[in-house]
Amino acid sequence: MSHPPLILDATGVNAVLQEAFPEVTPDTLAQVMEAEPGRVRIRRPYGPGLLRPGGIISGPTLMTIADTAAYALVLAHIGDRKMAVTSSLVMTFLRGAAVGDIWAEAQLLRLGRRNAVCDVRLWTETPDRIAAQATVTYSLP
């Protein structure tokens, strides 16, 4: 499957995210670690406040990271157009996410004129122990 070319690389997407969310400190903002056509990989450093009772990463935290990964993927392909907005996020929790940095890999399923659909997989241990999966749709400006 061929993918459209990147408009922004990882550094460019990180700059747009920091500009879009200036109140978020760099130690709590997810960073794009890799970007290539059709795919981005992000990392959100572990920090206090991410856990739920039972000592695992909370569901709302994982949903936030899934949405951030999809947004980063969309920005990488459409450029600095911050008004792309989430129109759907369907999340499936597969296992408890152990304490640690949260990783997400987003893959572009479809990029049209009006929307983009992304598959996002999240983990804290290793990529073969996926904790959650999301399908995220963004409406494009």
C-alpha atoms as a PDB file:
ATOM      1  CA  MET A   1       0.000   0.000   0.000  1.00  0.00           C
ATOM      2  CA  SER A   2       1.492   3.318  -1.017  1.00  0.00           C
ATOM      3  CA  HIS A   3       1.175   6.303   1.260  1.00  0.00           C
ATOM      4  CA  PRO A   4       1.248  10.030   0.563  1.00  0.00           C
ATOM      5  CA  PRO A   5       4.578  11.729   1.246  1.00  0.00           C
ATOM      6  CA  LEU A   6       5.312  13.436   4.539  1.00  0.00           C
ATOM      7  CA  ILE A   7       4.869  17.193   4.722  1.00  0.00           C
ATOM      8  CA  LEU A   8       6.462  17.413   8.196  1.00  0.00           C
ATOM      9  CA  ASP A   9       9.162  15.196   9.693  1.00  0.00           C
ATOM     10  CA  ALA A  10       9.277  14.234  13.397  1.00  0.00           C
ATOM     11  CA  THR A  11      10.959  17.504  14.383  1.00  0.00           C
ATOM     12  CA  GLY A  12       8.374  19.528  12.458  1.00  0.00           C
ATOM     13  CA  VAL A  13       5.426  17.686  14.001  1.00  0.00           C
ATOM     14  CA  ASN A  14       6.902  18.109  17.496  1.00  0.00           C
ATOM     15  CA  ALA A  15       7.239  21.855  16.881  1.00  0.00           C
ATOM     16  CA  VAL A  16       3.589  22.105  15.763  1.00  0.00           C
ATOM     17  CA  LEU A  17       2.419  20.109  18.810  1.00  0.00           C
ATOM     18  CA  GLN A  18       4.404  22.343  21.175  1.00  0.00           C
ATOM     19  CA  GLU A  19       2.955  25.440  19.496  1.00  0.00           C
ATOM     20  CA  ALA A  20      -0.597  24.040  19.590  1.00  0.00           C
ATOM     21  CA  PHE A  21      -0.346  23.061  23.275  1.00  0.00           C
ATOM     22  CA  PRO A  22       1.992  25.627  24.892  1.00  0.00           C
ATOM     23  CA  GLU A  23       0.644  24.897  28.385  1.00  0.00           C
ATOM     24  CA  VAL A  24       1.916  21.305  28.230  1.00  0.00           C
ATOM     25  CA  THR A  25       5.468  20.968  29.515  1.00  0.00           C
ATOM     26  CA  PRO A  26       8.026  19.100  27.393  1.00  0.00           C
ATOM     27  CA  ASP A  27       8.354  16.352  30.029  1.00  0.00           C
ATOM     28  CA  THR A  28       4.633  15.537  29.758  1.00  0.00           C
ATOM     29  CA  LEU A  29       4.061  16.137  26.031  1.00  0.00           C
ATOM     30  CA  ALA A  30       4.241  13.061  23.834  1.00  0.00           C
ATOM     31  CA  GLN A  31       7.133  13.323  21.388  1.00  0.00           C
ATOM     32  CA  VAL A  32       7.194  12.004  17.848  1.00  0.00           C
ATOM     33  CA  MET A  33      10.192   9.694  17.763  1.00  0.00           C
ATOM     34  CA  GLU A  34       9.816   8.489  14.152  1.00  0.00           C
ATOM     35  CA  ALA A  35       7.837   9.680  11.163  1.00  0.00           C
ATOM     36  CA  GLU A  36       7.694   8.128   7.735  1.00  0.00           C
ATOM     37  CA  PRO A  37       5.056   7.971   5.013  1.00  0.00           C
ATOM     38  CA  GLY A  38       1.963   6.365   6.515  1.00  0.00           C
ATOM     39  CA  ARG A  39       3.361   5.920  10.045  1.00  0.00           C
ATOM     40  CA  VAL A  40       4.500   7.712  13.189  1.00  0.00           C
ATOM     41  CA  ARG A  41       5.777   6.389  16.516  1.00  0.00           C
ATOM     42  CA  ILE A  42       5.424   8.527  19.636  1.00  0.00           C
ATOM     43  CA  ARG A  43       6.552   8.236  23.244  1.00  0.00           C
ATOM     44  CA  ARG A  44       4.908   9.800  26.290  1.00  0.00           C
ATOM     45  CA  PRO A  45       7.256   9.743  29.289  1.00  0.00           C
ATOM     46  CA  TYR A  46       5.868   8.086  32.391  1.00  0.00           C
ATOM     47  CA  GLY A  47       4.992  10.473  35.185  1.00  0.00           C
ATOM     48  CA  PRO A  48       2.936  10.724  38.323  1.00  0.00           C
ATOM     49  CA  GLY A  49      -0.790  10.924  37.815  1.00  0.00           C
ATOM     50  CA  LEU A  50      -0.980   8.451  34.923  1.00  0.00           C
ATOM     51  CA  LEU A  51      -1.956   5.464  37.047  1.00  0.00           C
ATOM     52  CA  ARG A  52      -5.362   4.158  38.030  1.00  0.00           C
ATOM     53  CA  PRO A  53      -6.066   2.082  41.117  1.00  0.00           C
ATOM     54  CA  GLY A  54      -4.345  -1.253  40.643  1.00  0.00           C
ATOM     55  CA  GLY A  55      -1.063   0.289  39.491  1.00  0.00           C
ATOM     56  CA  ILE A  56      -1.629   0.337  35.719  1.00  0.00           C
ATOM     57  CA  ILE A  57      -1.795   3.215  33.238  1.00  0.00           C
ATOM     58  CA  SER A  58      -5.323   4.668  33.210  1.00  0.00           C
ATOM     59  CA  GLY A  59      -7.712   4.324  30.280  1.00  0.00           C
ATOM     60  CA  PRO A  60      -8.136   8.090  29.818  1.00  0.00           C
ATOM     61  CA  THR A  61      -4.340   8.421  29.577  1.00  0.00           C
ATOM     62  CA  LEU A  62      -4.171   5.739  26.882  1.00  0.00           C
ATOM     63  CA  MET A  63      -7.029   7.395  24.986  1.00  0.00           C
ATOM     64  CA  THR A  64      -5.193  10.723  25.107  1.00  0.00           C
ATOM     65  CA  ILE A  65      -2.010   9.132  23.746  1.00  0.00           C
ATOM     66  CA  ALA A  66      -3.964   7.364  20.974  1.00  0.00           C
ATOM     67  CA  ASP A  67      -5.547  10.669  19.952  1.00  0.00           C
ATOM     68  CA  THR A  68      -2.176  12.441  20.095  1.00  0.00           C
ATOM     69  CA  ALA A  69      -0.563   9.783  17.901  1.00  0.00           C
ATOM     70  CA  ALA A  70      -3.343  10.060  15.318  1.00  0.00           C
ATOM     71  CA  TYR A  71      -3.118  13.874  15.373  1.00  0.00           C
ATOM     72  CA  ALA A  72       0.659  13.690  14.908  1.00  0.00           C
ATOM     73  CA  LEU A  73       0.221  11.303  11.986  1.00  0.00           C
ATOM     74  CA  VAL A  74      -2.339  13.558  10.327  1.00  0.00           C
ATOM     75  CA  LEU A  75      -0.153  16.664  10.818  1.00  0.00           C
ATOM     76  CA  ALA A  76       2.834  14.840   9.345  1.00  0.00           C
ATOM     77  CA  HIS A  77       0.823  14.308   6.155  1.00  0.00           C
ATOM     78  CA  ILE A  78      -1.173  17.563   5.859  1.00  0.00           C
ATOM     79  CA  GLY A  79       1.275  20.026   7.422  1.00  0.00           C
ATOM     80  CA  ASP A  80       0.671  22.754  10.001  1.00  0.00           C
ATOM     81  CA  ARG A  81      -3.132  22.757   9.819  1.00  0.00           C
ATOM     82  CA  LYS A  82      -4.022  22.652  13.500  1.00  0.00           C
ATOM     83  CA  MET A  83      -7.784  22.695  12.975  1.00  0.00           C
ATOM     84  CA  ALA A  84      -7.911  18.994  12.101  1.00  0.00           C
ATOM     85  CA  VAL A  85     -10.221  17.587  14.785  1.00  0.00           C
ATOM     86  CA  THR A  86     -11.097  14.164  16.146  1.00  0.00           C
ATOM     87  CA  SER A  87     -14.458  12.987  14.851  1.00  0.00           C
ATOM     88  CA  SER A  88     -14.279   9.397  16.138  1.00  0.00           C
ATOM     89  CA  LEU A  89     -12.125   7.405  18.540  1.00  0.00           C
ATOM     90  CA  VAL A  90     -12.916   3.740  19.172  1.00  0.00           C
ATOM     91  CA  MET A  91     -10.684   2.169  21.806  1.00  0.00           C
ATOM     92  CA  THR A  92     -10.163  -1.471  22.716  1.00  0.00           C
ATOM     93  CA  PHE A  93      -8.230  -2.278  25.895  1.00  0.00           C
ATOM     94  CA  LEU A  94      -6.398  -5.582  25.506  1.00  0.00           C
ATOM     95  CA  ARG A  95      -4.425  -5.832  28.769  1.00  0.00           C
ATOM     96  CA  GLY A  96      -3.282  -3.621  31.607  1.00  0.00           C
ATOM     97  CA  ALA A  97      -0.535  -1.216  30.589  1.00  0.00           C
ATOM     98  CA  ALA A  98       2.350  -1.671  33.027  1.00  0.00           C
ATOM     99  CA  VAL A  99       4.080   1.309  34.605  1.00  0.00           C
ATOM    100  CA  GLY A 100       6.528   2.899  32.163  1.00  0.00           C
ATOM    101  CA  ASP A 101       6.818   5.196  29.190  1.00  0.00           C
ATOM    102  CA  ILE A 102       3.833   4.874  26.862  1.00  0.00           C
ATOM    103  CA  TRP A 103       4.565   4.151  23.217  1.00  0.00           C
ATOM    104  CA  ALA A 104       2.108   4.417  20.353  1.00  0.00           C
ATOM    105  CA  GLU A 105       2.426   3.622  16.691  1.00  0.00           C
ATOM    106  CA  ALA A 106      -0.133   5.120  14.352  1.00  0.00           C
ATOM    107  CA  GLN A 107      -0.642   3.917  10.801  1.00  0.00           C
ATOM    108  CA  LEU A 108      -2.595   5.740   8.138  1.00  0.00           C
ATOM    109  CA  LEU A 109      -5.496   3.667   6.832  1.00  0.00           C
ATOM    110  CA  ARG A 110      -7.016   6.404   4.671  1.00  0.00           C
ATOM    111  CA  LEU A 111      -6.236  10.021   3.883  1.00  0.00           C
ATOM    112  CA  GLY A 112      -8.991  11.740   1.945  1.00  0.00           C
ATOM    113  CA  ARG A 113      -9.991  15.330   1.304  1.00  0.00           C
ATOM    114  CA  ARG A 114     -12.394  15.462   4.269  1.00  0.00           C
ATOM    115  CA  ASN A 115     -11.068  12.917   6.746  1.00  0.00           C
ATOM    116  CA  ALA A 116      -8.193  10.693   7.774  1.00  0.00           C
ATOM    117  CA  VAL A 117      -8.520   7.281   9.421  1.00  0.00           C
ATOM    118  CA  CYS A 118      -5.715   5.908  11.597  1.00  0.00           C
ATOM    119  CA  ASP A 119      -4.979   2.647  13.384  1.00  0.00           C
ATOM    120  CA  VAL A 120      -3.128   3.201  16.679  1.00  0.00           C
ATOM    121  CA  ARG A 121      -1.487   0.554  18.862  1.00  0.00           C
ATOM    122  CA  LEU A 122      -0.195   1.333  22.354  1.00  0.00           C
ATOM    123  CA  TRP A 123       2.200  -0.434  24.726  1.00  0.00           C
ATOM    124  CA  THR A 124       4.491   0.155  27.684  1.00  0.00           C
ATOM    125  CA  GLU A 125       6.543  -3.040  27.739  1.00  0.00           C
ATOM    126  CA  THR A 126       7.300  -4.181  24.187  1.00  0.00           C
ATOM    127  CA  PRO A 127       5.514  -3.660  20.850  1.00  0.00           C
ATOM    128  CA  ASP A 128       4.497  -7.315  20.812  1.00  0.00           C
ATOM    129  CA  ARG A 129       2.570  -6.825  24.114  1.00  0.00           C
ATOM    130  CA  ILE A 130      -0.015  -4.318  22.915  1.00  0.00           C
ATOM    131  CA  ALA A 131      -2.058  -2.873  25.775  1.00  0.00           C
ATOM    132  CA  ALA A 132      -4.676  -1.104  23.637  1.00  0.00           C
ATOM    133  CA  GLN A 133      -5.713  -0.454  20.045  1.00  0.00           C
ATOM    134  CA  ALA A 134      -7.696   2.478  18.675  1.00  0.00           C
ATOM    135  CA  THR A 135      -9.232   3.467  15.376  1.00  0.00           C
ATOM    136  CA  VAL A 136      -9.218   7.251  15.161  1.00  0.00           C
ATOM    137  CA  THR A 137     -10.864   9.408  12.506  1.00  0.00           C
ATOM    138  CA  TYR A 138      -9.951  13.064  12.026  1.00  0.00           C
ATOM    139  CA  SER A 139     -12.009  15.619  10.136  1.00  0.00           C
ATOM    140  CA  LEU A 140      -9.700  17.740   8.019  1.00  0.00           C
ATOM    141  CA  PRO A 141      -9.978  21.518   7.640  1.00  0.00           C
END
